[in-house]
Amino acid sequence: MEQRDEPQNLPIDSLRSHPSNPRKGNVKKIVESIQANGFYGAIVVQKSTMMILVGNHRWMAAKECGMTTIPAIVVDVDDLAAKKILLADNRTSDFAIYDTDELSRLLRDIISDDSLLGTGFDANDLDKLIADVTDAPNAKRVRNLEPFHTCYWLIKAPMSHQGTITDAMAKALKRFDGVEIVSATN
């Protein structure tokens, strides 16, 4: 295998997770993304060891999804350079921050047409973004809440839990005006 910039499909079982990878990822979230969006991008593999330098958790998720090959860029580097690549890939992402206005806008666009499944975000993340605004009315709060004049939440649970869930929801929601709990069965 020569070093090249374009990915090649390698047998997934021919690769190994790097044992020195200090990052612990959420493989479950990556699995959800692969299932919703397919696998995109490529991992980076050290030629001499076939250890993954970039994309250890995407590789784990791809295995969990039953993929037999994975796009990989193979680099011919020594062990020291491999460790630097491993560290740099993990560390440089730590310096990134979100533009919360743009993130809110993007999440609202997606949730208005579909669910957040496969994005890595969930309703709790959306709640945190909305809660990020102060209780005092301001332009940011109005902008963040604008598309959510009325939201409907569906909770699927066994009938045997209906009373417990309804009671818990009623206690949690009693501080909000205009919130109503509706029950339906199928």
N, C-alpha and C. Protein backbone atom coordinates (compact mmCIF):
# COMPACT_ATOMS: atom_id res chain seq x y z
N MET A 1 0.84 -1.19 0.00
CA MET A 1 0.00 0.00 0.00
C MET A 1 0.88 1.24 0.00
N GLU A 2 0.65 2.06 -0.96
CA GLU A 2 1.41 3.30 -1.01
C GLU A 2 0.63 4.41 -0.30
N GLN A 3 1.37 5.42 0.10
CA GLN A 3 0.71 6.58 0.72
C GLN A 3 0.07 7.38 -0.39
N ARG A 4 -1.19 7.70 -0.22
CA ARG A 4 -1.88 8.54 -1.19
C ARG A 4 -2.95 9.33 -0.49
N ASP A 5 -3.32 10.43 -1.11
CA ASP A 5 -4.29 11.32 -0.47
C ASP A 5 -5.72 10.83 -0.61
N GLU A 6 -5.99 10.01 -1.58
CA GLU A 6 -7.36 9.54 -1.74
C GLU A 6 -7.56 8.23 -0.98
N PRO A 7 -8.73 8.07 -0.44
CA PRO A 7 -8.98 6.86 0.37
C PRO A 7 -9.04 5.61 -0.50
N GLN A 8 -8.70 4.52 0.13
CA GLN A 8 -8.90 3.21 -0.49
C GLN A 8 -9.73 2.38 0.47
N ASN A 9 -10.53 1.49 -0.06
CA ASN A 9 -11.34 0.64 0.80
C ASN A 9 -10.50 -0.53 1.29
N LEU A 10 -10.35 -0.58 2.61
CA LEU A 10 -9.56 -1.65 3.23
C LEU A 10 -10.48 -2.58 4.01
N PRO A 11 -10.13 -3.86 4.10
CA PRO A 11 -10.91 -4.77 4.94
C PRO A 11 -10.90 -4.25 6.38
N ILE A 12 -12.05 -4.12 6.96
CA ILE A 12 -12.18 -3.51 8.28
C ILE A 12 -11.42 -4.31 9.35
N ASP A 13 -11.36 -5.63 9.17
CA ASP A 13 -10.68 -6.48 10.17
C ASP A 13 -9.16 -6.48 10.00
N SER A 14 -8.66 -5.82 8.96
CA SER A 14 -7.19 -5.75 8.79
C SER A 14 -6.60 -4.58 9.57
N LEU A 15 -7.45 -3.77 10.18
CA LEU A 15 -7.01 -2.58 10.89
C LEU A 15 -7.13 -2.78 12.39
N ARG A 16 -6.34 -1.99 13.14
CA ARG A 16 -6.38 -2.06 14.60
C ARG A 16 -6.54 -0.67 15.17
N SER A 17 -7.31 -0.60 16.24
CA SER A 17 -7.43 0.66 16.96
C SER A 17 -6.08 0.95 17.62
N HIS A 18 -5.67 2.20 17.60
CA HIS A 18 -4.37 2.54 18.19
C HIS A 18 -4.45 2.39 19.72
N PRO A 19 -3.56 1.59 20.32
CA PRO A 19 -3.64 1.35 21.76
C PRO A 19 -3.32 2.59 22.61
N SER A 20 -2.68 3.59 22.02
CA SER A 20 -2.35 4.80 22.79
C SER A 20 -3.36 5.92 22.59
N ASN A 21 -4.45 5.63 21.92
CA ASN A 21 -5.44 6.69 21.68
C ASN A 21 -6.01 7.17 23.02
N PRO A 22 -5.78 8.44 23.38
CA PRO A 22 -6.26 8.93 24.66
C PRO A 22 -7.73 9.36 24.64
N ARG A 23 -8.32 9.42 23.48
CA ARG A 23 -9.69 9.92 23.35
C ARG A 23 -10.68 8.78 23.52
N LYS A 24 -11.73 9.04 24.27
CA LYS A 24 -12.82 8.08 24.45
C LYS A 24 -14.05 8.67 23.78
N GLY A 25 -14.48 8.06 22.71
CA GLY A 25 -15.59 8.60 21.93
C GLY A 25 -16.90 7.92 22.24
N ASN A 26 -17.97 8.51 21.73
CA ASN A 26 -19.31 7.96 21.90
C ASN A 26 -19.65 7.15 20.64
N VAL A 27 -19.31 5.88 20.65
CA VAL A 27 -19.51 5.02 19.50
C VAL A 27 -21.00 4.91 19.15
N LYS A 28 -21.85 4.91 20.17
CA LYS A 28 -23.29 4.80 19.93
C LYS A 28 -23.79 5.96 19.05
N LYS A 29 -23.34 7.18 19.33
CA LYS A 29 -23.75 8.34 18.53
C LYS A 29 -23.23 8.21 17.10
N ILE A 30 -22.03 7.67 16.94
CA ILE A 30 -21.47 7.50 15.59
C ILE A 30 -22.24 6.42 14.84
N VAL A 31 -22.63 5.35 15.53
CA VAL A 31 -23.45 4.30 14.92
C VAL A 31 -24.76 4.92 14.42
N GLU A 32 -25.40 5.75 15.25
CA GLU A 32 -26.65 6.41 14.84
C GLU A 32 -26.43 7.24 13.58
N SER A 33 -25.32 7.95 13.52
CA SER A 33 -25.01 8.77 12.35
C SER A 33 -24.81 7.90 11.11
N ILE A 34 -24.07 6.81 11.24
CA ILE A 34 -23.85 5.92 10.10
C ILE A 34 -25.17 5.33 9.63
N GLN A 35 -26.01 4.93 10.57
CA GLN A 35 -27.30 4.35 10.19
C GLN A 35 -28.21 5.37 9.51
N ALA A 36 -28.14 6.62 9.94
CA ALA A 36 -28.99 7.65 9.36
C ALA A 36 -28.42 8.26 8.09
N ASN A 37 -27.10 8.41 8.03
CA ASN A 37 -26.48 9.17 6.95
C ASN A 37 -25.52 8.38 6.08
N GLY A 38 -25.20 7.14 6.48
CA GLY A 38 -24.17 6.38 5.79
C GLY A 38 -22.80 6.77 6.33
N PHE A 39 -21.80 6.04 5.92
CA PHE A 39 -20.43 6.34 6.35
C PHE A 39 -19.85 7.34 5.37
N TYR A 40 -19.29 8.40 5.88
CA TYR A 40 -18.68 9.42 5.02
C TYR A 40 -17.29 9.73 5.55
N GLY A 41 -16.44 10.19 4.67
CA GLY A 41 -15.08 10.51 5.08
C GLY A 41 -14.20 9.28 5.05
N ALA A 42 -13.04 9.41 5.64
CA ALA A 42 -12.08 8.31 5.66
C ALA A 42 -11.30 8.37 6.97
N ILE A 43 -10.83 7.22 7.38
CA ILE A 43 -9.95 7.16 8.53
C ILE A 43 -8.51 7.26 8.02
N VAL A 44 -7.56 7.46 8.92
CA VAL A 44 -6.14 7.52 8.56
C VAL A 44 -5.42 6.39 9.28
N VAL A 45 -4.64 5.64 8.52
CA VAL A 45 -4.00 4.43 9.03
C VAL A 45 -2.49 4.51 8.80
N GLN A 46 -1.72 4.09 9.80
CA GLN A 46 -0.26 4.00 9.65
C GLN A 46 0.06 2.74 8.85
N LYS A 47 0.81 2.89 7.78
CA LYS A 47 1.11 1.79 6.86
C LYS A 47 1.80 0.61 7.55
N SER A 48 2.83 0.88 8.35
CA SER A 48 3.65 -0.20 8.91
C SER A 48 2.93 -1.03 9.97
N THR A 49 1.98 -0.43 10.68
CA THR A 49 1.32 -1.13 11.78
C THR A 49 -0.16 -1.43 11.52
N MET A 50 -0.72 -0.76 10.52
CA MET A 50 -2.16 -0.82 10.22
C MET A 50 -3.00 -0.35 11.42
N MET A 51 -2.39 0.49 12.26
CA MET A 51 -3.11 1.10 13.38
C MET A 51 -3.77 2.38 12.91
N ILE A 52 -4.92 2.63 13.46
CA ILE A 52 -5.71 3.80 13.09
C ILE A 52 -5.21 5.01 13.87
N LEU A 53 -4.88 6.06 13.13
CA LEU A 53 -4.39 7.30 13.74
C LEU A 53 -5.52 8.32 13.85
N VAL A 54 -6.41 8.32 12.90
CA VAL A 54 -7.55 9.24 12.87
C VAL A 54 -8.79 8.41 12.56
N GLY A 55 -9.78 8.45 13.45
CA GLY A 55 -11.04 7.75 13.19
C GLY A 55 -11.20 6.44 13.92
N ASN A 56 -10.52 6.28 15.06
CA ASN A 56 -10.66 5.03 15.83
C ASN A 56 -12.11 4.71 16.17
N HIS A 57 -12.86 5.71 16.59
CA HIS A 57 -14.24 5.46 17.01
C HIS A 57 -15.18 5.29 15.82
N ARG A 58 -14.88 5.97 14.70
CA ARG A 58 -15.67 5.74 13.49
C ARG A 58 -15.45 4.31 13.00
N TRP A 59 -14.22 3.80 13.12
CA TRP A 59 -13.92 2.41 12.75
C TRP A 59 -14.71 1.44 13.64
N MET A 60 -14.72 1.70 14.96
CA MET A 60 -15.48 0.85 15.88
C MET A 60 -16.96 0.85 15.52
N ALA A 61 -17.50 2.03 15.22
CA ALA A 61 -18.91 2.14 14.86
C ALA A 61 -19.19 1.43 13.54
N ALA A 62 -18.28 1.56 12.58
CA ALA A 62 -18.45 0.89 11.29
C ALA A 62 -18.49 -0.63 11.48
N LYS A 63 -17.62 -1.14 12.35
CA LYS A 63 -17.63 -2.58 12.66
C LYS A 63 -18.96 -2.97 13.28
N GLU A 64 -19.43 -2.15 14.21
CA GLU A 64 -20.69 -2.43 14.88
C GLU A 64 -21.86 -2.42 13.89
N CYS A 65 -21.75 -1.60 12.84
CA CYS A 65 -22.80 -1.53 11.81
C CYS A 65 -22.68 -2.66 10.79
N GLY A 66 -21.65 -3.48 10.92
CA GLY A 66 -21.51 -4.62 10.02
C GLY A 66 -20.76 -4.33 8.73
N MET A 67 -20.10 -3.18 8.65
CA MET A 67 -19.32 -2.88 7.44
C MET A 67 -18.14 -3.84 7.36
N THR A 68 -17.79 -4.26 6.16
CA THR A 68 -16.67 -5.18 5.98
C THR A 68 -15.44 -4.47 5.42
N THR A 69 -15.65 -3.31 4.79
CA THR A 69 -14.53 -2.49 4.33
C THR A 69 -14.77 -1.07 4.82
N ILE A 70 -13.69 -0.29 4.83
CA ILE A 70 -13.80 1.09 5.31
C ILE A 70 -12.85 1.97 4.49
N PRO A 71 -13.29 3.17 4.11
CA PRO A 71 -12.39 4.07 3.40
C PRO A 71 -11.25 4.51 4.32
N ALA A 72 -10.03 4.39 3.84
CA ALA A 72 -8.87 4.74 4.66
C ALA A 72 -7.80 5.40 3.80
N ILE A 73 -7.15 6.37 4.40
CA ILE A 73 -5.96 6.97 3.81
C ILE A 73 -4.78 6.36 4.56
N VAL A 74 -3.90 5.73 3.81
CA VAL A 74 -2.75 5.06 4.41
C VAL A 74 -1.55 6.00 4.34
N VAL A 75 -0.92 6.23 5.49
CA VAL A 75 0.24 7.12 5.54
C VAL A 75 1.47 6.33 5.96
N ASP A 76 2.57 6.61 5.29
CA ASP A 76 3.83 5.93 5.58
C ASP A 76 4.64 6.84 6.49
N VAL A 77 4.44 6.70 7.80
CA VAL A 77 5.13 7.54 8.78
C VAL A 77 5.70 6.64 9.87
N ASP A 78 6.73 7.15 10.56
CA ASP A 78 7.31 6.38 11.66
C ASP A 78 6.39 6.49 12.89
N ASP A 79 6.74 5.76 13.93
CA ASP A 79 5.89 5.71 15.12
C ASP A 79 5.75 7.06 15.82
N LEU A 80 6.83 7.85 15.84
CA LEU A 80 6.75 9.16 16.47
C LEU A 80 5.77 10.07 15.71
N ALA A 81 5.89 10.11 14.40
CA ALA A 81 4.96 10.92 13.60
C ALA A 81 3.53 10.40 13.75
N ALA A 82 3.38 9.09 13.84
CA ALA A 82 2.04 8.50 14.02
C ALA A 82 1.40 8.99 15.32
N LYS A 83 2.18 9.00 16.38
CA LYS A 83 1.66 9.47 17.67
C LYS A 83 1.30 10.95 17.62
N LYS A 84 2.11 11.74 16.90
CA LYS A 84 1.80 13.16 16.76
C LYS A 84 0.51 13.38 15.99
N ILE A 85 0.32 12.59 14.93
CA ILE A 85 -0.93 12.69 14.15
C ILE A 85 -2.12 12.32 15.04
N LEU A 86 -1.98 11.24 15.79
CA LEU A 86 -3.03 10.78 16.71
C LEU A 86 -3.40 11.88 17.71
N LEU A 87 -2.38 12.47 18.32
CA LEU A 87 -2.62 13.53 19.31
C LEU A 87 -3.19 14.79 18.66
N ALA A 88 -2.63 15.19 17.53
CA ALA A 88 -3.08 16.42 16.88
C ALA A 88 -4.53 16.31 16.45
N ASP A 89 -4.92 15.15 15.91
CA ASP A 89 -6.32 14.99 15.48
C ASP A 89 -7.27 15.14 16.66
N ASN A 90 -6.91 14.55 17.78
CA ASN A 90 -7.77 14.66 18.96
C ASN A 90 -7.72 16.06 19.57
N ARG A 91 -6.55 16.61 19.70
CA ARG A 91 -6.40 17.89 20.41
C ARG A 91 -6.95 19.08 19.62
N THR A 92 -6.73 19.12 18.33
CA THR A 92 -7.17 20.29 17.58
C THR A 92 -8.68 20.45 17.60
N SER A 93 -9.41 19.34 17.74
CA SER A 93 -10.87 19.47 17.83
C SER A 93 -11.30 20.11 19.15
N ASP A 94 -10.43 20.03 20.17
CA ASP A 94 -10.74 20.65 21.46
C ASP A 94 -10.80 22.17 21.37
N PHE A 95 -10.14 22.74 20.38
CA PHE A 95 -10.10 24.19 20.24
C PHE A 95 -11.29 24.75 19.47
N ALA A 96 -12.09 23.89 18.91
CA ALA A 96 -13.26 24.34 18.15
C ALA A 96 -14.36 24.78 19.10
N ILE A 97 -15.14 25.75 18.68
CA ILE A 97 -16.31 26.18 19.44
C ILE A 97 -17.47 26.28 18.46
N TYR A 98 -18.66 26.27 18.99
CA TYR A 98 -19.86 26.42 18.17
C TYR A 98 -20.28 27.87 18.09
N ASP A 99 -20.73 28.26 16.93
CA ASP A 99 -21.49 29.50 16.78
C ASP A 99 -22.90 29.09 17.16
N THR A 100 -23.32 29.41 18.39
CA THR A 100 -24.59 28.89 18.90
C THR A 100 -25.78 29.39 18.10
N ASP A 101 -25.72 30.60 17.56
CA ASP A 101 -26.81 31.07 16.71
C ASP A 101 -26.94 30.19 15.47
N GLU A 102 -25.81 29.92 14.83
CA GLU A 102 -25.84 29.09 13.62
C GLU A 102 -26.23 27.65 13.96
N LEU A 103 -25.73 27.13 15.08
CA LEU A 103 -26.10 25.78 15.50
C LEU A 103 -27.59 25.70 15.77
N SER A 104 -28.14 26.68 16.47
CA SER A 104 -29.58 26.70 16.74
C SER A 104 -30.37 26.73 15.44
N ARG A 105 -29.93 27.57 14.53
CA ARG A 105 -30.61 27.70 13.23
C ARG A 105 -30.58 26.37 12.48
N LEU A 106 -29.42 25.73 12.47
CA LEU A 106 -29.28 24.46 11.76
C LEU A 106 -30.14 23.37 12.40
N LEU A 107 -30.12 23.29 13.73
CA LEU A 107 -30.95 22.30 14.42
C LEU A 107 -32.43 22.56 14.18
N ARG A 108 -32.85 23.82 14.20
CA ARG A 108 -34.25 24.15 13.92
C ARG A 108 -34.63 23.74 12.50
N ASP A 109 -33.74 23.98 11.54
CA ASP A 109 -34.02 23.58 10.16
C ASP A 109 -34.23 22.08 10.06
N ILE A 110 -33.35 21.32 10.72
CA ILE A 110 -33.45 19.87 10.65
C ILE A 110 -34.69 19.37 11.36
N ILE A 111 -34.94 19.87 12.57
CA ILE A 111 -36.06 19.35 13.35
C ILE A 111 -37.41 19.74 12.73
N SER A 112 -37.44 20.82 11.96
CA SER A 112 -38.71 21.20 11.33
C SER A 112 -39.05 20.26 10.18
N ASP A 113 -38.04 19.60 9.59
CA ASP A 113 -38.26 18.68 8.48
C ASP A 113 -38.13 17.22 8.87
N ASP A 114 -37.46 16.93 9.97
CA ASP A 114 -37.13 15.56 10.31
C ASP A 114 -36.79 15.49 11.80
N SER A 115 -36.24 14.38 12.24
CA SER A 115 -35.80 14.26 13.62
C SER A 115 -34.30 14.57 13.70
N LEU A 116 -33.78 14.68 14.89
CA LEU A 116 -32.35 14.94 15.09
C LEU A 116 -31.52 13.66 15.03
N LEU A 117 -32.18 12.50 14.88
CA LEU A 117 -31.48 11.23 14.85
C LEU A 117 -30.41 11.24 13.76
N GLY A 118 -29.20 10.88 14.13
CA GLY A 118 -28.10 10.83 13.17
C GLY A 118 -27.27 12.09 13.14
N THR A 119 -27.66 13.11 13.92
CA THR A 119 -26.89 14.35 13.94
C THR A 119 -25.88 14.39 15.08
N GLY A 120 -26.05 13.50 16.06
CA GLY A 120 -25.21 13.56 17.26
C GLY A 120 -25.84 14.44 18.33
N PHE A 121 -26.89 15.17 17.96
CA PHE A 121 -27.61 16.02 18.91
C PHE A 121 -28.94 15.36 19.25
N ASP A 122 -29.47 15.72 20.42
CA ASP A 122 -30.78 15.20 20.81
C ASP A 122 -31.58 16.33 21.45
N ALA A 123 -32.76 15.99 21.94
CA ALA A 123 -33.64 17.00 22.53
C ALA A 123 -32.99 17.68 23.73
N ASN A 124 -32.19 16.95 24.50
CA ASN A 124 -31.51 17.57 25.64
C ASN A 124 -30.55 18.67 25.18
N ASP A 125 -29.85 18.42 24.08
CA ASP A 125 -28.95 19.44 23.54
C ASP A 125 -29.73 20.67 23.10
N LEU A 126 -30.86 20.43 22.48
CA LEU A 126 -31.71 21.54 22.04
C LEU A 126 -32.22 22.32 23.25
N ASP A 127 -32.62 21.59 24.30
CA ASP A 127 -33.06 22.25 25.53
C ASP A 127 -31.96 23.12 26.12
N LYS A 128 -30.72 22.62 26.11
CA LYS A 128 -29.59 23.40 26.64
C LYS A 128 -29.37 24.66 25.83
N LEU A 129 -29.51 24.57 24.52
CA LEU A 129 -29.35 25.75 23.68
C LEU A 129 -30.42 26.79 23.99
N ILE A 130 -31.65 26.31 24.15
CA ILE A 130 -32.74 27.23 24.47
C ILE A 130 -32.55 27.80 25.87
N ALA A 131 -32.10 26.96 26.82
CA ALA A 131 -31.89 27.42 28.19
C ALA A 131 -30.69 28.34 28.31
N ASP A 132 -29.86 28.36 27.28
CA ASP A 132 -28.68 29.21 27.29
C ASP A 132 -29.05 30.69 27.32
N VAL A 133 -30.28 30.97 26.94
CA VAL A 133 -30.72 32.36 26.99
C VAL A 133 -31.21 32.66 28.39
N THR A 134 -31.19 33.89 28.77
CA THR A 134 -31.61 34.26 30.12
C THR A 134 -33.13 34.26 30.22
N ASP A 135 -33.65 34.29 31.43
CA ASP A 135 -35.09 34.33 31.62
C ASP A 135 -35.68 35.68 31.22
N ALA A 136 -34.87 36.73 31.28
CA ALA A 136 -35.36 38.04 30.88
C ALA A 136 -35.49 38.07 29.36
N PRO A 137 -36.62 38.57 28.84
CA PRO A 137 -36.78 38.62 27.38
C PRO A 137 -35.66 39.43 26.74
N ASN A 138 -35.13 38.91 25.69
CA ASN A 138 -34.12 39.63 24.91
C ASN A 138 -34.18 39.12 23.47
N ALA A 139 -33.46 39.77 22.58
CA ALA A 139 -33.53 39.43 21.16
C ALA A 139 -33.10 37.98 20.89
N LYS A 140 -32.05 37.52 21.61
CA LYS A 140 -31.58 36.16 21.38
C LYS A 140 -32.64 35.14 21.79
N ARG A 141 -33.30 35.38 22.91
CA ARG A 141 -34.33 34.45 23.37
C ARG A 141 -35.48 34.39 22.38
N VAL A 142 -35.92 35.52 21.92
CA VAL A 142 -37.01 35.55 20.94
C VAL A 142 -36.59 34.80 19.68
N ARG A 143 -35.37 35.03 19.22
CA ARG A 143 -34.87 34.37 18.00
C ARG A 143 -34.78 32.87 18.20
N ASN A 144 -34.30 32.40 19.35
CA ASN A 144 -34.16 30.97 19.59
C ASN A 144 -35.50 30.27 19.76
N LEU A 145 -36.47 30.94 20.33
CA LEU A 145 -37.75 30.31 20.60
C LEU A 145 -38.77 30.52 19.48
N GLU A 146 -38.47 31.42 18.55
CA GLU A 146 -39.42 31.79 17.51
C GLU A 146 -40.08 30.60 16.80
N PRO A 147 -39.32 29.59 16.34
CA PRO A 147 -39.98 28.51 15.61
C PRO A 147 -40.70 27.51 16.52
N PHE A 148 -40.62 27.70 17.83
CA PHE A 148 -41.18 26.73 18.75
C PHE A 148 -42.39 27.29 19.51
N HIS A 149 -43.30 27.95 18.80
CA HIS A 149 -44.49 28.46 19.47
C HIS A 149 -45.28 27.32 20.11
N THR A 150 -45.40 26.22 19.39
CA THR A 150 -46.05 25.04 19.92
C THR A 150 -45.23 23.84 19.51
N CYS A 151 -44.88 23.02 20.47
CA CYS A 151 -44.15 21.78 20.19
C CYS A 151 -44.98 20.62 20.71
N TYR A 152 -44.92 19.52 20.00
CA TYR A 152 -45.60 18.31 20.43
C TYR A 152 -44.55 17.24 20.65
N TRP A 153 -44.62 16.58 21.81
CA TRP A 153 -43.67 15.53 22.14
C TRP A 153 -44.45 14.23 22.25
N LEU A 154 -43.92 13.19 21.71
CA LEU A 154 -44.55 11.88 21.78
C LEU A 154 -43.64 10.97 22.59
N ILE A 155 -44.19 10.41 23.63
CA ILE A 155 -43.43 9.48 24.47
C ILE A 155 -44.09 8.13 24.35
N LYS A 156 -43.35 7.15 23.90
CA LYS A 156 -43.89 5.80 23.76
C LYS A 156 -43.51 5.02 25.01
N ALA A 157 -44.51 4.46 25.66
CA ALA A 157 -44.27 3.69 26.88
C ALA A 157 -45.36 2.64 27.02
N PRO A 158 -45.08 1.55 27.73
CA PRO A 158 -46.11 0.54 27.97
C PRO A 158 -47.26 1.14 28.77
N MET A 159 -48.46 0.67 28.52
CA MET A 159 -49.64 1.17 29.23
C MET A 159 -49.48 1.04 30.74
N SER A 160 -48.76 0.02 31.18
CA SER A 160 -48.58 -0.19 32.62
C SER A 160 -47.83 0.96 33.29
N HIS A 161 -47.11 1.77 32.51
CA HIS A 161 -46.35 2.89 33.06
C HIS A 161 -47.06 4.23 32.88
N GLN A 162 -48.23 4.22 32.26
CA GLN A 162 -48.87 5.48 31.90
C GLN A 162 -49.09 6.40 33.10
N GLY A 163 -49.61 5.87 34.18
CA GLY A 163 -49.87 6.70 35.35
C GLY A 163 -48.60 7.29 35.93
N THR A 164 -47.57 6.48 36.05
CA THR A 164 -46.30 6.94 36.61
C THR A 164 -45.68 8.03 35.74
N ILE A 165 -45.69 7.81 34.43
CA ILE A 165 -45.11 8.79 33.51
C ILE A 165 -45.92 10.07 33.51
N THR A 166 -47.24 9.95 33.49
CA THR A 166 -48.10 11.14 33.49
C THR A 166 -47.88 11.95 34.76
N ASP A 167 -47.79 11.28 35.91
CA ASP A 167 -47.55 11.98 37.18
C ASP A 167 -46.19 12.69 37.17
N ALA A 168 -45.17 12.00 36.71
CA ALA A 168 -43.83 12.59 36.67
C ALA A 168 -43.79 13.79 35.73
N MET A 169 -44.44 13.65 34.59
CA MET A 169 -44.47 14.77 33.64
C MET A 169 -45.24 15.94 34.21
N ALA A 170 -46.36 15.67 34.86
CA ALA A 170 -47.17 16.74 35.44
C ALA A 170 -46.37 17.51 36.50
N LYS A 171 -45.63 16.79 37.34
CA LYS A 171 -44.80 17.46 38.35
C LYS A 171 -43.71 18.30 37.69
N ALA A 172 -43.06 17.73 36.67
CA ALA A 172 -41.97 18.45 36.01
C ALA A 172 -42.46 19.66 35.22
N LEU A 173 -43.67 19.58 34.70
CA LEU A 173 -44.17 20.62 33.80
C LEU A 173 -45.09 21.64 34.46
N LYS A 174 -45.40 21.46 35.74
CA LYS A 174 -46.38 22.33 36.38
C LYS A 174 -45.94 23.79 36.44
N ARG A 175 -44.64 24.05 36.33
CA ARG A 175 -44.18 25.43 36.39
C ARG A 175 -44.32 26.17 35.06
N PHE A 176 -44.74 25.46 34.01
CA PHE A 176 -44.88 26.08 32.70
C PHE A 176 -46.36 26.34 32.38
N ASP A 177 -46.68 27.56 32.03
CA ASP A 177 -48.04 27.89 31.62
C ASP A 177 -48.29 27.38 30.21
N GLY A 178 -49.51 26.93 29.97
CA GLY A 178 -49.89 26.53 28.63
C GLY A 178 -49.44 25.14 28.23
N VAL A 179 -48.89 24.36 29.17
CA VAL A 179 -48.46 23.01 28.86
C VAL A 179 -49.57 22.06 29.23
N GLU A 180 -49.89 21.18 28.33
CA GLU A 180 -50.99 20.25 28.53
C GLU A 180 -50.49 18.85 28.22
N ILE A 181 -50.85 17.86 29.04
CA ILE A 181 -50.46 16.48 28.81
C ILE A 181 -51.63 15.78 28.17
N VAL A 182 -51.38 15.19 27.00
CA VAL A 182 -52.41 14.48 26.25
C VAL A 182 -52.01 13.03 26.18
N SER A 183 -52.92 12.13 26.43
CA SER A 183 -52.63 10.70 26.41
C SER A 183 -53.32 10.07 25.20
N ALA A 184 -52.63 9.16 24.56
CA ALA A 184 -53.20 8.42 23.43
C ALA A 184 -52.67 7.00 23.48
N THR A 185 -53.43 6.08 23.01
CA THR A 185 -52.98 4.67 22.96
C THR A 185 -53.17 4.15 21.56
N ASN A 186 -52.43 3.10 21.26
CA ASN A 186 -52.62 2.45 19.95
C ASN A 186 -52.77 0.97 20.14
